Amino acid sequence: MTTRTKPAMGALMFFAVSFGLCVYFTFAAVQGDFGLFRRAEIEAESKALQTKLNDLTRQVSRMENLTHRLSDDYLDLDLLDQQARDVLGLLRSDEIVIR
């Protein structure tokens, strides 16, 4: 006599739930808030912000240099002449303006 047994429903449910959990956690590890794709986005954003910070640092040091060159302690006459021309539109008496 041979009796056929059906697979146990409990074992089938166990494997289905286990597979579902594996799929869920794999998806979360790749595309979740703390997943691999988010990490790559954060690293790219970090590099862009670092580049922007370096740019701003250069601009600040340039402006500090110009400010120092126009201070009371150190006066750069060429820079003062350039600023007077740019900001105030001043000219010397021996110059000719061509527009």
PDB file of N, CA and C in Angstrom:
ATOM      1  N   MET A   1       0.815  -1.179   0.000  1.00  0.00           N
ATOM      2  CA  MET A   1       0.000   0.000   0.000  1.00  0.00           C
ATOM      3  C   MET A   1       0.871   1.260   0.000  1.00  0.00           C
ATOM      4  N   THR A   2       0.611   2.132  -0.913  1.00  0.00           N
ATOM      5  CA  THR A   2       1.338   3.401  -0.944  1.00  0.00           C
ATOM      6  C   THR A   2       0.343   4.519  -0.665  1.00  0.00           C
ATOM      7  N   THR A   3       0.735   5.351   0.185  1.00  0.00           N
ATOM      8  CA  THR A   3      -0.109   6.510   0.490  1.00  0.00           C
ATOM      9  C   THR A   3       0.630   7.766   0.059  1.00  0.00           C
ATOM     10  N   ARG A   4      -0.058   8.577  -0.619  1.00  0.00           N
ATOM     11  CA  ARG A   4       0.527   9.845  -1.064  1.00  0.00           C
ATOM     12  C   ARG A   4       0.231  10.893   0.004  1.00  0.00           C
ATOM     13  N   THR A   5       1.272  11.602   0.348  1.00  0.00           N
ATOM     14  CA  THR A   5       1.073  12.663   1.339  1.00  0.00           C
ATOM     15  C   THR A   5       1.257  14.003   0.646  1.00  0.00           C
ATOM     16  N   LYS A   6       0.426  14.902   0.972  1.00  0.00           N
ATOM     17  CA  LYS A   6       0.542  16.255   0.443  1.00  0.00           C
ATOM     18  C   LYS A   6       1.633  16.988   1.226  1.00  0.00           C
ATOM     19  N   PRO A   7       2.337  17.914   0.552  1.00  0.00           N
ATOM     20  CA  PRO A   7       3.330  18.668   1.316  1.00  0.00           C
ATOM     21  C   PRO A   7       2.634  19.407   2.451  1.00  0.00           C
ATOM     22  N   ALA A   8       3.311  19.459   3.515  1.00  0.00           N
ATOM     23  CA  ALA A   8       2.729  20.104   4.685  1.00  0.00           C
ATOM     24  C   ALA A   8       2.500  21.572   4.400  1.00  0.00           C
ATOM     25  N   MET A   9       1.324  22.021   4.707  1.00  0.00           N
ATOM     26  CA  MET A   9       0.967  23.420   4.455  1.00  0.00           C
ATOM     27  C   MET A   9       1.818  24.363   5.303  1.00  0.00           C
ATOM     28  N   GLY A  10       2.187  23.943   6.479  1.00  0.00           N
ATOM     29  CA  GLY A  10       3.014  24.764   7.355  1.00  0.00           C
ATOM     30  C   GLY A  10       4.385  25.013   6.761  1.00  0.00           C
ATOM     31  N   ALA A  11       5.007  23.988   6.164  1.00  0.00           N
ATOM     32  CA  ALA A  11       6.330  24.136   5.557  1.00  0.00           C
ATOM     33  C   ALA A  11       6.252  25.057   4.350  1.00  0.00           C
ATOM     34  N   LEU A  12       5.194  24.921   3.567  1.00  0.00           N
ATOM     35  CA  LEU A  12       5.011  25.788   2.408  1.00  0.00           C
ATOM     36  C   LEU A  12       4.839  27.247   2.835  1.00  0.00           C
ATOM     37  N   MET A  13       4.073  27.468   3.864  1.00  0.00           N
ATOM     38  CA  MET A  13       3.883  28.840   4.387  1.00  0.00           C
ATOM     39  C   MET A  13       5.201  29.392   4.941  1.00  0.00           C
ATOM     40  N   PHE A  14       5.958  28.531   5.627  1.00  0.00           N
ATOM     41  CA  PHE A  14       7.244  28.966   6.176  1.00  0.00           C
ATOM     42  C   PHE A  14       8.170  29.448   5.058  1.00  0.00           C
ATOM     43  N   PHE A  15       8.282  28.678   3.979  1.00  0.00           N
ATOM     44  CA  PHE A  15       9.143  29.067   2.872  1.00  0.00           C
ATOM     45  C   PHE A  15       8.616  30.302   2.148  1.00  0.00           C
ATOM     46  N   ALA A  16       7.322  30.436   2.034  1.00  0.00           N
ATOM     47  CA  ALA A  16       6.744  31.618   1.376  1.00  0.00           C
ATOM     48  C   ALA A  16       7.025  32.874   2.196  1.00  0.00           C
ATOM     49  N   VAL A  17       6.830  32.784   3.502  1.00  0.00           N
ATOM     50  CA  VAL A  17       7.086  33.943   4.373  1.00  0.00           C
ATOM     51  C   VAL A  17       8.580  34.261   4.383  1.00  0.00           C
ATOM     52  N   SER A  18       9.415  33.232   4.439  1.00  0.00           N
ATOM     53  CA  SER A  18      10.869  33.446   4.431  1.00  0.00           C
ATOM     54  C   SER A  18      11.305  34.111   3.131  1.00  0.00           C
ATOM     55  N   PHE A  19      10.775  33.637   2.021  1.00  0.00           N
ATOM     56  CA  PHE A  19      11.110  34.237   0.729  1.00  0.00           C
ATOM     57  C   PHE A  19      10.641  35.691   0.674  1.00  0.00           C
ATOM     58  N   GLY A  20       9.441  35.958   1.150  1.00  0.00           N
ATOM     59  CA  GLY A  20       8.926  37.326   1.165  1.00  0.00           C
ATOM     60  C   GLY A  20       9.788  38.259   2.004  1.00  0.00           C
ATOM     61  N   LEU A  21      10.208  37.780   3.177  1.00  0.00           N
ATOM     62  CA  LEU A  21      11.079  38.596   4.036  1.00  0.00           C
ATOM     63  C   LEU A  21      12.436  38.836   3.378  1.00  0.00           C
ATOM     64  N   CYS A  22      12.978  37.823   2.728  1.00  0.00           N
ATOM     65  CA  CYS A  22      14.262  37.997   2.030  1.00  0.00           C
ATOM     66  C   CYS A  22      14.137  39.037   0.919  1.00  0.00           C
ATOM     67  N   VAL A  23      13.061  38.980   0.164  1.00  0.00           N
ATOM     68  CA  VAL A  23      12.847  39.954  -0.905  1.00  0.00           C
ATOM     69  C   VAL A  23      12.693  41.357  -0.321  1.00  0.00           C
ATOM     70  N   TYR A  24      11.936  41.482   0.753  1.00  0.00           N
ATOM     71  CA  TYR A  24      11.714  42.788   1.372  1.00  0.00           C
ATOM     72  C   TYR A  24      13.026  43.387   1.879  1.00  0.00           C
ATOM     73  N   PHE A  25      13.796  42.606   2.613  1.00  0.00           N
ATOM     74  CA  PHE A  25      15.038  43.140   3.170  1.00  0.00           C
ATOM     75  C   PHE A  25      16.082  43.414   2.085  1.00  0.00           C
ATOM     76  N   THR A  26      16.092  42.623   1.025  1.00  0.00           N
ATOM     77  CA  THR A  26      17.000  42.904  -0.086  1.00  0.00           C
ATOM     78  C   THR A  26      16.614  44.209  -0.765  1.00  0.00           C
ATOM     79  N   PHE A  27      15.336  44.405  -0.987  1.00  0.00           N
ATOM     80  CA  PHE A  27      14.868  45.659  -1.585  1.00  0.00           C
ATOM     81  C   PHE A  27      15.221  46.848  -0.695  1.00  0.00           C
ATOM     82  N   ALA A  28      14.993  46.704   0.611  1.00  0.00           N
ATOM     83  CA  ALA A  28      15.288  47.791   1.549  1.00  0.00           C
ATOM     84  C   ALA A  28      16.793  48.086   1.586  1.00  0.00           C
ATOM     85  N   ALA A  29      17.611  47.048   1.465  1.00  0.00           N
ATOM     86  CA  ALA A  29      19.063  47.248   1.502  1.00  0.00           C
ATOM     87  C   ALA A  29      19.554  47.965   0.249  1.00  0.00           C
ATOM     88  N   VAL A  30      18.850  47.805  -0.847  1.00  0.00           N
ATOM     89  CA  VAL A  30      19.293  48.430  -2.089  1.00  0.00           C
ATOM     90  C   VAL A  30      18.661  49.801  -2.276  1.00  0.00           C
ATOM     91  N   GLN A  31      17.351  49.917  -2.097  1.00  0.00           N
ATOM     92  CA  GLN A  31      16.660  51.155  -2.431  1.00  0.00           C
ATOM     93  C   GLN A  31      16.032  51.867  -1.242  1.00  0.00           C
ATOM     94  N   GLY A  32      16.256  51.429  -0.051  1.00  0.00           N
ATOM     95  CA  GLY A  32      15.649  52.067   1.113  1.00  0.00           C
ATOM     96  C   GLY A  32      16.301  53.389   1.457  1.00  0.00           C
ATOM     97  N   ASP A  33      15.844  53.987   2.552  1.00  0.00           N
ATOM     98  CA  ASP A  33      16.379  55.278   2.994  1.00  0.00           C
ATOM     99  C   ASP A  33      17.874  55.202   3.314  1.00  0.00           C
ATOM    100  N   PHE A  34      18.329  54.046   3.761  1.00  0.00           N
ATOM    101  CA  PHE A  34      19.745  53.863   4.090  1.00  0.00           C
ATOM    102  C   PHE A  34      20.385  52.829   3.169  1.00  0.00           C
ATOM    103  N   GLY A  35      19.834  52.659   1.969  1.00  0.00           N
ATOM    104  CA  GLY A  35      20.302  51.647   1.031  1.00  0.00           C
ATOM    105  C   GLY A  35      21.492  52.102   0.209  1.00  0.00           C
ATOM    106  N   LEU A  36      21.893  51.216  -0.694  1.00  0.00           N
ATOM    107  CA  LEU A  36      23.070  51.475  -1.520  1.00  0.00           C
ATOM    108  C   LEU A  36      22.878  52.654  -2.465  1.00  0.00           C
ATOM    109  N   PHE A  37      21.699  52.773  -3.072  1.00  0.00           N
ATOM    110  CA  PHE A  37      21.462  53.883  -3.993  1.00  0.00           C
ATOM    111  C   PHE A  37      21.474  55.217  -3.254  1.00  0.00           C
ATOM    112  N   ARG A  38      20.891  55.257  -2.082  1.00  0.00           N
ATOM    113  CA  ARG A  38      20.875  56.493  -1.289  1.00  0.00           C
ATOM    114  C   ARG A  38      22.293  56.879  -0.875  1.00  0.00           C
ATOM    115  N   ARG A  39      23.099  55.880  -0.552  1.00  0.00           N
ATOM    116  CA  ARG A  39      24.490  56.151  -0.178  1.00  0.00           C
ATOM    117  C   ARG A  39      25.250  56.761  -1.355  1.00  0.00           C
ATOM    118  N   ALA A  40      25.028  56.234  -2.555  1.00  0.00           N
ATOM    119  CA  ALA A  40      25.690  56.793  -3.740  1.00  0.00           C
ATOM    120  C   ALA A  40      25.233  58.227  -3.979  1.00  0.00           C
ATOM    121  N   GLU A  41      23.942  58.511  -3.769  1.00  0.00           N
ATOM    122  CA  GLU A  41      23.441  59.887  -3.918  1.00  0.00           C
ATOM    123  C   GLU A  41      24.096  60.812  -2.898  1.00  0.00           C
ATOM    124  N   ILE A  42      24.226  60.348  -1.675  1.00  0.00           N
ATOM    125  CA  ILE A  42      24.823  61.170  -0.615  1.00  0.00           C
ATOM    126  C   ILE A  42      26.293  61.452  -0.923  1.00  0.00           C
ATOM    127  N   GLU A  43      27.017  60.453  -1.415  1.00  0.00           N
ATOM    128  CA  GLU A  43      28.427  60.668  -1.747  1.00  0.00           C
ATOM    129  C   GLU A  43      28.584  61.658  -2.900  1.00  0.00           C
ATOM    130  N   ALA A  44      27.711  61.558  -3.911  1.00  0.00           N
ATOM    131  CA  ALA A  44      27.776  62.502  -5.034  1.00  0.00           C
ATOM    132  C   ALA A  44      27.445  63.913  -4.564  1.00  0.00           C
ATOM    133  N   GLU A  45      26.444  64.031  -3.707  1.00  0.00           N
ATOM    134  CA  GLU A  45      26.079  65.342  -3.166  1.00  0.00           C
ATOM    135  C   GLU A  45      27.206  65.903  -2.307  1.00  0.00           C
ATOM    136  N   SER A  46      27.861  65.040  -1.561  1.00  0.00           N
ATOM    137  CA  SER A  46      28.988  65.468  -0.724  1.00  0.00           C
ATOM    138  C   SER A  46      30.124  66.019  -1.575  1.00  0.00           C
ATOM    139  N   LYS A  47      30.426  65.345  -2.688  1.00  0.00           N
ATOM    140  CA  LYS A  47      31.490  65.834  -3.580  1.00  0.00           C
ATOM    141  C   LYS A  47      31.111  67.178  -4.186  1.00  0.00           C
ATOM    142  N   ALA A  48      29.846  67.333  -4.580  1.00  0.00           N
ATOM    143  CA  ALA A  48      29.405  68.608  -5.168  1.00  0.00           C
ATOM    144  C   ALA A  48      29.488  69.727  -4.137  1.00  0.00           C
ATOM    145  N   LEU A  49      29.067  69.434  -2.905  1.00  0.00           N
ATOM    146  CA  LEU A  49      29.128  70.457  -1.854  1.00  0.00           C
ATOM    147  C   LEU A  49      30.571  70.794  -1.489  1.00  0.00           C
ATOM    148  N   GLN A  50      31.458  69.800  -1.520  1.00  0.00           N
ATOM    149  CA  GLN A  50      32.870  70.063  -1.229  1.00  0.00           C
ATOM    150  C   GLN A  50      33.471  70.967  -2.296  1.00  0.00           C
ATOM    151  N   THR A  51      33.112  70.743  -3.553  1.00  0.00           N
ATOM    152  CA  THR A  51      33.579  71.596  -4.642  1.00  0.00           C
ATOM    153  C   THR A  51      33.067  73.020  -4.463  1.00  0.00           C
ATOM    154  N   LYS A  52      31.800  73.135  -4.091  1.00  0.00           N
ATOM    155  CA  LYS A  52      31.215  74.464  -3.859  1.00  0.00           C
ATOM    156  C   LYS A  52      31.897  75.156  -2.684  1.00  0.00           C
ATOM    157  N   LEU A  53      32.198  74.394  -1.629  1.00  0.00           N
ATOM    158  CA  LEU A  53      32.890  74.961  -0.471  1.00  0.00           C
ATOM    159  C   LEU A  53      34.278  75.462  -0.866  1.00  0.00           C
ATOM    160  N   ASN A  54      34.996  74.686  -1.665  1.00  0.00           N
ATOM    161  CA  ASN A  54      36.328  75.122  -2.119  1.00  0.00           C
ATOM    162  C   ASN A  54      36.229  76.399  -2.948  1.00  0.00           C
ATOM    163  N   ASP A  55      35.215  76.479  -3.800  1.00  0.00           N
ATOM    164  CA  ASP A  55      34.990  77.695  -4.593  1.00  0.00           C
ATOM    165  C   ASP A  55      34.746  78.902  -3.697  1.00  0.00           C
ATOM    166  N   LEU A  56      33.861  78.730  -2.726  1.00  0.00           N
ATOM    167  CA  LEU A  56      33.544  79.833  -1.816  1.00  0.00           C
ATOM    168  C   LEU A  56      34.743  80.224  -0.963  1.00  0.00           C
ATOM    169  N   THR A  57      35.536  79.252  -0.574  1.00  0.00           N
ATOM    170  CA  THR A  57      36.739  79.557   0.214  1.00  0.00           C
ATOM    171  C   THR A  57      37.708  80.401  -0.597  1.00  0.00           C
ATOM    172  N   ARG A  58      37.872  80.054  -1.884  1.00  0.00           N
ATOM    173  CA  ARG A  58      38.734  80.870  -2.749  1.00  0.00           C
ATOM    174  C   ARG A  58      38.191  82.289  -2.891  1.00  0.00           C
ATOM    175  N   GLN A  59      36.879  82.408  -3.058  1.00  0.00           N
ATOM    176  CA  GLN A  59      36.280  83.737  -3.192  1.00  0.00           C
ATOM    177  C   GLN A  59      36.456  84.560  -1.921  1.00  0.00           C
ATOM    178  N   VAL A  60      36.282  83.922  -0.770  1.00  0.00           N
ATOM    179  CA  VAL A  60      36.439  84.630   0.501  1.00  0.00           C
ATOM    180  C   VAL A  60      37.882  85.089   0.671  1.00  0.00           C
ATOM    181  N   SER A  61      38.838  84.227   0.349  1.00  0.00           N
ATOM    182  CA  SER A  61      40.238  84.639   0.506  1.00  0.00           C
ATOM    183  C   SER A  61      40.587  85.767  -0.465  1.00  0.00           C
ATOM    184  N   ARG A  62      40.012  85.744  -1.659  1.00  0.00           N
ATOM    185  CA  ARG A  62      40.236  86.839  -2.612  1.00  0.00           C
ATOM    186  C   ARG A  62      39.663  88.145  -2.076  1.00  0.00           C
ATOM    187  N   MET A  63      38.447  88.076  -1.530  1.00  0.00           N
ATOM    188  CA  MET A  63      37.820  89.286  -0.983  1.00  0.00           C
ATOM    189  C   MET A  63      38.582  89.789   0.250  1.00  0.00           C
ATOM    190  N   GLU A  64      39.088  88.866   1.077  1.00  0.00           N
ATOM    191  CA  GLU A  64      39.889  89.286   2.226  1.00  0.00           C
ATOM    192  C   GLU A  64      41.161  89.987   1.765  1.00  0.00           C
ATOM    193  N   ASN A  65      41.767  89.482   0.703  1.00  0.00           N
ATOM    194  CA  ASN A  65      42.972  90.113   0.161  1.00  0.00           C
ATOM    195  C   ASN A  65      42.653  91.519  -0.340  1.00  0.00           C
ATOM    196  N   LEU A  66      41.572  91.657  -1.099  1.00  0.00           N
ATOM    197  CA  LEU A  66      41.193  92.984  -1.598  1.00  0.00           C
ATOM    198  C   LEU A  66      40.868  93.929  -0.445  1.00  0.00           C
ATOM    199  N   THR A  67      40.183  93.429   0.559  1.00  0.00           N
ATOM    200  CA  THR A  67      39.845  94.273   1.716  1.00  0.00           C
ATOM    201  C   THR A  67      41.110  94.709   2.444  1.00  0.00           C
ATOM    202  N   HIS A  68      42.044  93.786   2.594  1.00  0.00           N
ATOM    203  CA  HIS A  68      43.302  94.145   3.256  1.00  0.00           C
ATOM    204  C   HIS A  68      44.069  95.192   2.454  1.00  0.00           C
ATOM    205  N   ARG A  69      44.035  95.050   1.118  1.00  0.00           N
ATOM    206  CA  ARG A  69      44.772  95.994   0.274  1.00  0.00           C
ATOM    207  C   ARG A  69      44.152  97.389   0.286  1.00  0.00           C
ATOM    208  N   LEU A  70      42.902  97.519   0.706  1.00  0.00           N
ATOM    209  CA  LEU A  70      42.273  98.843   0.800  1.00  0.00           C
ATOM    210  C   LEU A  70      42.162  99.323   2.249  1.00  0.00           C
ATOM    211  N   SER A  71      42.772  98.617   3.183  1.00  0.00           N
ATOM    212  CA  SER A  71      42.655  98.998   4.595  1.00  0.00           C
ATOM    213  C   SER A  71      43.574 100.181   4.914  1.00  0.00           C
ATOM    214  N   ASP A  72      43.417 100.704   6.128  1.00  0.00           N
ATOM    215  CA  ASP A  72      44.226 101.843   6.562  1.00  0.00           C
ATOM    216  C   ASP A  72      45.690 101.453   6.757  1.00  0.00           C
ATOM    217  N   ASP A  73      45.939 100.213   7.146  1.00  0.00           N
ATOM    218  CA  ASP A  73      47.304  99.764   7.407  1.00  0.00           C
ATOM    219  C   ASP A  73      48.105  99.573   6.122  1.00  0.00           C
ATOM    220  N   TYR A  74      47.429  99.186   5.066  1.00  0.00           N
ATOM    221  CA  TYR A  74      48.117  98.872   3.810  1.00  0.00           C
ATOM    222  C   TYR A  74      47.239  99.379   2.682  1.00  0.00           C
ATOM    223  N   LEU A  75      47.705 100.323   1.918  1.00  0.00           N
ATOM    224  CA  LEU A  75      46.897 100.919   0.862  1.00  0.00           C
ATOM    225  C   LEU A  75      47.560 100.675  -0.485  1.00  0.00           C
ATOM    226  N   ASP A  76      46.878  99.943  -1.337  1.00  0.00           N
ATOM    227  CA  ASP A  76      47.353  99.682  -2.686  1.00  0.00           C
ATOM    228  C   ASP A  76      46.744 100.749  -3.594  1.00  0.00           C
ATOM    229  N   LEU A  77      47.570 101.655  -4.070  1.00  0.00           N
ATOM    230  CA  LEU A  77      47.076 102.784  -4.851  1.00  0.00           C
ATOM    231  C   LEU A  77      46.489 102.345  -6.191  1.00  0.00           C
ATOM    232  N   ASP A  78      47.049 101.320  -6.796  1.00  0.00           N
ATOM    233  CA  ASP A  78      46.501 100.824  -8.058  1.00  0.00           C
ATOM    234  C   ASP A  78      45.091 100.268  -7.861  1.00  0.00           C
ATOM    235  N   LEU A  79      44.896  99.513  -6.784  1.00  0.00           N
ATOM    236  CA  LEU A  79      43.567  98.974  -6.498  1.00  0.00           C
ATOM    237  C   LEU A  79      42.595 100.103  -6.155  1.00  0.00           C
ATOM    238  N   LEU A  80      43.046 101.095  -5.404  1.00  0.00           N
ATOM    239  CA  LEU A  80      42.189 102.232  -5.074  1.00  0.00           C
ATOM    240  C   LEU A  80      41.780 102.971  -6.344  1.00  0.00           C
ATOM    241  N   ASP A  81      42.718 103.157  -7.263  1.00  0.00           N
ATOM    242  CA  ASP A  81      42.427 103.813  -8.535  1.00  0.00           C
ATOM    243  C   ASP A  81      41.405 103.005  -9.345  1.00  0.00           C
ATOM    244  N   GLN A  82      41.601 101.701  -9.383  1.00  0.00           N
ATOM    245  CA  GLN A  82      40.668 100.831 -10.115  1.00  0.00           C
ATOM    246  C   GLN A  82      39.264 100.886  -9.508  1.00  0.00           C
ATOM    247  N   GLN A  83      39.169 100.835  -8.193  1.00  0.00           N
ATOM    248  CA  GLN A  83      37.856 100.882  -7.532  1.00  0.00           C
ATOM    249  C   GLN A  83      37.184 102.240  -7.745  1.00  0.00           C
ATOM    250  N   ALA A  84      37.947 103.307  -7.711  1.00  0.00           N
ATOM    251  CA  ALA A  84      37.373 104.638  -7.948  1.00  0.00           C
ATOM    252  C   ALA A  84      36.835 104.740  -9.361  1.00  0.00           C
ATOM    253  N   ARG A  85      37.531 104.147 -10.305  1.00  0.00           N
ATOM    254  CA  ARG A  85      37.057 104.160 -11.692  1.00  0.00           C
ATOM    255  C   ARG A  85      35.795 103.310 -11.849  1.00  0.00           C
ATOM    256  N   ASP A  86      35.811 102.101 -11.279  1.00  0.00           N
ATOM    257  CA  ASP A  86      34.673 101.187 -11.439  1.00  0.00           C
ATOM    258  C   ASP A  86      33.429 101.674 -10.709  1.00  0.00           C
ATOM    259  N   VAL A  87      33.585 102.024  -9.457  1.00  0.00           N
ATOM    260  CA  VAL A  87      32.422 102.351  -8.624  1.00  0.00           C
ATOM    261  C   VAL A  87      31.939 103.778  -8.867  1.00  0.00           C
ATOM    262  N   LEU A  88      32.851 104.714  -8.881  1.00  0.00           N
ATOM    263  CA  LEU A  88      32.463 106.120  -8.973  1.00  0.00           C
ATOM    264  C   LEU A  88      32.486 106.663 -10.398  1.00  0.00           C
ATOM    265  N   GLY A  89      33.114 105.933 -11.312  1.00  0.00           N
ATOM    266  CA  GLY A  89      33.190 106.400 -12.696  1.00  0.00           C
ATOM    267  C   GLY A  89      34.136 107.569 -12.868  1.00  0.00           C
ATOM    268  N   LEU A  90      35.166 107.638 -12.044  1.00  0.00           N
ATOM    269  CA  LEU A  90      36.119 108.743 -12.111  1.00  0.00           C
ATOM    270  C   LEU A  90      37.138 108.531 -13.222  1.00  0.00           C
ATOM    271  N   LEU A  91      37.610 109.636 -13.763  1.00  0.00           N
ATOM    272  CA  LEU A  91      38.642 109.635 -14.793  1.00  0.00           C
ATOM    273  C   LEU A  91      39.697 110.672 -14.432  1.00  0.00           C
ATOM    274  N   ARG A  92      40.882 110.462 -14.980  1.00  0.00           N
ATOM    275  CA  ARG A  92      41.904 111.479 -14.806  1.00  0.00           C
ATOM    276  C   ARG A  92      41.717 112.537 -15.880  1.00  0.00           C
ATOM    277  N   SER A  93      42.278 113.695 -15.665  1.00  0.00           N
ATOM    278  CA  SER A  93      42.078 114.811 -16.599  1.00  0.00           C
ATOM    279  C   SER A  93      42.772 114.583 -17.944  1.00  0.00           C
ATOM    280  N   ASP A  94      43.783 113.740 -17.971  1.00  0.00           N
ATOM    281  CA  ASP A  94      44.494 113.516 -19.224  1.00  0.00           C
ATOM    282  C   ASP A  94      43.989 112.304 -20.008  1.00  0.00           C
ATOM    283  N   GLU A  95      42.864 111.701 -19.585  1.00  0.00           N
ATOM    284  CA  GLU A  95      42.325 110.525 -20.267  1.00  0.00           C
ATOM    285  C   GLU A  95      41.193 110.907 -21.217  1.00  0.00           C
ATOM    286  N   ILE A  96      41.067 110.122 -22.289  1.00  0.00           N
ATOM    287  CA  ILE A  96      39.983 110.334 -23.252  1.00  0.00           C
ATOM    288  C   ILE A  96      39.099 109.099 -23.215  1.00  0.00           C
ATOM    289  N   VAL A  97      37.787 109.310 -23.154  1.00  0.00           N
ATOM    290  CA  VAL A  97      36.829 108.211 -23.088  1.00  0.00           C
ATOM    291  C   VAL A  97      36.250 107.988 -24.456  1.00  0.00           C
ATOM    292  N   ILE A  98      36.310 106.760 -24.938  1.00  0.00           N
ATOM    293  CA  ILE A  98      35.714 106.398 -26.225  1.00  0.00           C
ATOM    294  C   ILE A  98      34.586 105.424 -25.946  1.00  0.00           C
ATOM    295  N   ARG A  99      33.382 105.783 -26.409  1.00  0.00           N
ATOM    296  CA  ARG A  99      32.222 104.909 -26.172  1.00  0.00           C
ATOM    297  C   ARG A  99      31.663 104.403 -27.465  1.00  0.00           C
TER     298      ARG A  99
END
